[in-house]
Amino acid sequence: MAEPKTKATNKSVEEFLQSIEPEQKRRDGLTLLEMFKKITGEKPVMWGPTMVGFGVYHYKSERSRQGGDWLRTGFSPRKQALTLYVLTGESDAPLLEKLGKHKTGVGCLYINKLADVDIKILEKLISHCWEYMERRYPNA
């Protein structure tokens, strides 16, 4: 079975976020860190060199033999956009309609900067994702 390339590391989340440029992206990353910690109650963990994850679950792909551990939710302050791993496909649409300026991908929410969105709605999306993952993978 193929192993996932991105895995949890012991690197410092705070050091990573403090190294982010430009300053606005760094501030947004630090704000997201506090938001995710508050909502999930989990300690943040670096996944690969750029992803900040909260919680873990074990998955098995339905289309291949691949499986492994993955973050339940998290984010990455990438150069192009803040990438949040919060979309479940289950009742996301009503919240996304109220969020503000964003783009979506498979499981990902892309935001240029936090000032572009309604923070309360973003917190609801993160909470919705966390609760969904808790239901779907209760024994992780």
Protein backbone atom coordinates (compact mmCIF):
# COMPACT_ATOMS: atom_id res chain seq x y z
CA MET A 1 0.00 0.00 0.00
CA ALA A 2 1.34 3.45 -0.91
CA GLU A 3 2.19 5.73 1.99
CA PRO A 4 0.96 9.34 2.01
CA LYS A 5 3.78 11.82 1.43
CA THR A 6 2.45 14.42 3.87
CA LYS A 7 2.74 13.33 7.49
CA ALA A 8 2.64 14.89 10.93
CA THR A 9 6.00 16.28 12.06
CA ASN A 10 7.45 17.57 15.31
CA LYS A 11 8.27 20.99 13.83
CA SER A 12 7.10 24.07 15.72
CA VAL A 13 3.80 25.51 14.48
CA GLU A 14 4.59 28.89 16.05
CA GLU A 15 8.04 29.09 14.40
CA PHE A 16 6.52 28.22 11.04
CA LEU A 17 3.79 30.85 11.34
CA GLN A 18 6.25 33.52 12.54
CA SER A 19 8.31 32.91 9.38
CA ILE A 20 5.39 33.63 7.00
CA GLU A 21 5.67 36.65 4.72
CA PRO A 22 4.10 39.07 4.06
CA GLU A 23 3.08 40.36 7.47
CA GLN A 24 -0.66 40.27 6.71
CA LYS A 25 -0.49 36.56 5.86
CA ARG A 26 1.48 35.94 9.08
CA ARG A 27 -1.11 37.81 11.18
CA ASP A 28 -3.95 35.93 9.49
CA GLY A 29 -2.14 32.63 10.13
CA LEU A 30 -1.73 33.45 13.81
CA THR A 31 -5.41 34.44 14.04
CA LEU A 32 -6.43 31.16 12.40
CA LEU A 33 -4.20 29.27 14.83
CA GLU A 34 -6.07 30.71 17.81
CA MET A 35 -9.44 30.20 16.14
CA PHE A 36 -8.80 26.52 15.37
CA LYS A 37 -7.34 25.85 18.84
CA LYS A 38 -10.40 27.38 20.49
CA ILE A 39 -12.91 25.50 18.32
CA THR A 40 -11.23 22.08 18.28
CA GLY A 41 -9.62 22.03 21.73
CA GLU A 42 -6.69 20.27 20.05
CA LYS A 43 -2.98 21.01 20.04
CA PRO A 44 -1.78 22.14 16.58
CA VAL A 45 0.63 19.90 14.67
CA MET A 46 2.64 20.62 11.53
CA TRP A 47 1.80 18.32 8.64
CA GLY A 48 4.59 18.46 6.10
CA PRO A 49 6.34 21.82 5.79
CA THR A 50 3.29 24.12 5.45
CA MET A 51 0.08 22.63 6.88
CA VAL A 52 -1.17 23.22 10.43
CA GLY A 53 -3.44 20.38 11.51
CA PHE A 54 -5.80 19.71 14.39
CA GLY A 55 -6.75 16.18 15.34
CA VAL A 56 -6.07 13.07 13.30
CA TYR A 57 -8.05 10.24 11.77
CA HIS A 58 -7.24 7.09 9.83
CA TYR A 59 -8.67 6.81 6.35
CA LYS A 60 -8.87 4.09 3.72
CA SER A 61 -9.44 5.20 0.14
CA GLU A 62 -12.47 3.68 -1.55
CA ARG A 63 -10.85 4.00 -4.99
CA SER A 64 -7.38 2.65 -4.25
CA ARG A 65 -5.58 0.64 -1.63
CA GLN A 66 -4.09 3.76 -0.11
CA GLY A 67 -4.78 4.62 3.49
CA GLY A 68 -3.14 6.46 6.32
CA ASP A 69 -3.48 9.13 8.94
CA TRP A 70 -4.61 12.64 8.08
CA LEU A 71 -5.53 15.84 9.88
CA ARG A 72 -9.19 16.23 10.83
CA THR A 73 -9.09 19.93 10.02
CA GLY A 74 -6.51 22.65 9.58
CA PHE A 75 -5.08 25.35 7.39
CA SER A 76 -2.08 26.50 5.43
CA PRO A 77 -1.13 30.15 4.89
CA ARG A 78 0.00 29.66 1.29
CA LYS A 79 1.36 32.40 -0.93
CA GLN A 80 -1.71 32.54 -3.19
CA ALA A 81 -4.35 32.23 -0.46
CA LEU A 82 -5.13 31.01 3.00
CA THR A 83 -6.12 27.39 2.46
CA LEU A 84 -8.50 25.94 5.03
CA TYR A 85 -9.30 22.24 5.16
CA VAL A 86 -12.86 22.68 6.42
CA LEU A 87 -15.31 21.69 3.69
CA THR A 88 -17.25 18.48 4.24
CA GLY A 89 -19.75 18.63 1.39
CA GLU A 90 -22.43 18.21 4.04
CA SER A 91 -24.48 21.41 4.43
CA ASP A 92 -21.57 23.76 3.67
CA ALA A 93 -23.47 25.76 1.02
CA PRO A 94 -25.65 27.95 3.29
CA LEU A 95 -22.63 29.06 5.29
CA LEU A 96 -20.52 29.62 2.19
CA GLU A 97 -23.22 31.90 0.76
CA LYS A 98 -22.83 34.18 3.79
CA LEU A 99 -19.04 33.93 4.15
CA GLY A 100 -17.79 36.65 1.84
CA LYS A 101 -15.09 36.58 -0.83
CA HIS A 102 -13.71 33.04 -1.24
CA LYS A 103 -13.13 30.13 -3.61
CA THR A 104 -13.59 26.42 -2.99
CA GLY A 105 -11.94 23.20 -4.07
CA VAL A 106 -12.45 19.59 -3.05
CA GLY A 107 -12.51 19.87 0.73
CA CYS A 108 -10.68 23.21 0.67
CA LEU A 109 -11.70 26.79 1.23
CA TYR A 110 -9.47 29.51 -0.25
CA ILE A 111 -9.46 33.00 1.21
CA ASN A 112 -7.11 35.81 0.19
CA LYS A 113 -7.23 37.46 3.62
CA LEU A 114 -9.41 37.17 6.69
CA ALA A 115 -10.64 40.74 6.20
CA ASP A 116 -12.52 39.44 3.10
CA VAL A 117 -14.83 37.17 5.12
CA ASP A 118 -17.26 37.18 8.01
CA ILE A 119 -15.22 35.72 10.89
CA LYS A 120 -18.31 34.44 12.74
CA ILE A 121 -19.39 32.48 9.65
CA LEU A 122 -15.83 31.15 9.24
CA GLU A 123 -15.89 29.97 12.86
CA LYS A 124 -19.18 28.18 12.15
CA LEU A 125 -17.63 26.44 9.10
CA ILE A 126 -14.65 25.28 11.17
CA SER A 127 -16.95 24.06 13.94
CA HIS A 128 -19.23 22.32 11.42
CA CYS A 129 -16.22 20.52 9.92
CA TRP A 130 -14.92 19.48 13.34
CA GLU A 131 -18.30 18.10 14.40
CA TYR A 132 -18.71 16.27 11.08
CA MET A 133 -15.29 14.62 11.44
CA GLU A 134 -16.08 13.64 15.03
CA ARG A 135 -19.25 11.89 13.83
CA ARG A 136 -17.64 10.25 10.81
CA TYR A 137 -14.47 9.07 12.59
CA PRO A 138 -15.49 8.74 16.24
CA ASN A 139 -12.66 6.46 17.33
CA ALA A 140 -9.75 8.27 15.75
